[in-house]
Protein backbone atom coordinates (compact mmCIF):
# COMPACT_ATOMS: atom_id res chain seq x y z
CA UNK A 1 -0.17 -0.33 -0.24
CA UNK A 2 1.51 3.55 -1.14
CA UNK A 3 1.00 6.05 1.37
CA UNK A 4 1.80 9.60 1.05
CA UNK A 5 4.65 11.31 3.23
CA UNK A 6 3.21 14.88 4.50
CA UNK A 7 6.41 15.60 6.55
CA UNK A 8 10.39 15.24 6.07
CA UNK A 9 12.92 15.59 8.46
CA UNK A 10 16.40 16.59 6.99
CA UNK A 11 19.71 16.09 8.49
CA UNK A 12 22.90 18.25 7.21
CA UNK A 13 26.17 17.20 7.48
CA UNK A 14 29.54 18.68 7.11
CA UNK A 15 32.13 16.52 5.61
CA UNK A 16 30.31 13.10 5.81
CA UNK A 17 27.90 11.72 3.97
CA UNK A 18 24.58 12.04 2.68
CA UNK A 19 24.14 8.36 3.46
CA UNK A 20 25.15 8.89 6.93
CA UNK A 21 22.63 12.09 7.34
CA UNK A 22 19.64 10.10 6.18
CA UNK A 23 20.71 7.22 8.31
CA UNK A 24 20.81 9.54 11.43
CA UNK A 25 17.00 10.09 11.08
CA UNK A 26 16.30 6.45 10.50
CA UNK A 27 18.16 5.75 13.24
CA UNK A 28 16.41 8.18 15.61
CA UNK A 29 13.08 6.67 14.72
CA UNK A 30 11.79 9.69 12.93
CA UNK A 31 11.58 7.70 9.84
CA UNK A 32 8.23 6.37 10.36
CA UNK A 33 6.43 9.68 10.74
CA UNK A 34 8.08 11.06 7.89
CA UNK A 35 10.51 11.08 4.93
CA UNK A 36 14.27 11.09 5.82
CA UNK A 37 16.87 13.35 3.62
CA UNK A 38 20.22 13.56 4.19
CA UNK A 39 22.04 16.52 2.68
CA UNK A 40 25.94 16.67 2.99
CA UNK A 41 28.72 19.23 1.79
CA UNK A 42 32.37 20.08 1.98
CA UNK A 43 34.51 22.91 2.06
CA UNK A 44 34.45 23.38 -1.52
CA UNK A 45 30.67 23.81 -1.46
CA UNK A 46 29.71 20.28 -3.20
CA UNK A 47 26.45 18.92 -2.16
CA UNK A 48 24.90 15.61 -2.34
CA UNK A 49 21.36 15.01 -1.10
CA UNK A 50 19.80 11.27 -0.28
CA UNK A 51 15.99 10.59 -0.04
CA UNK A 52 15.47 7.67 1.69
CA UNK A 53 12.19 5.24 0.79
CA UNK A 54 10.50 4.04 3.92
CA UNK A 55 7.21 3.06 2.55
CA UNK A 56 6.16 0.08 3.86
CA UNK A 57 5.90 -2.72 0.66
């Protein structure tokens, strides 16, 4: 069953990975209530975004 997610939680990481940032949201058990989004950036302003799928299949 597909459900629409009305909330998202964004975790920002400096000099770390977007995967780690999204994983931190899931680790804190916020994922059931919101869509986990991880954004990482570095000193060169390179930015990476990761959106995790938490839908029940």
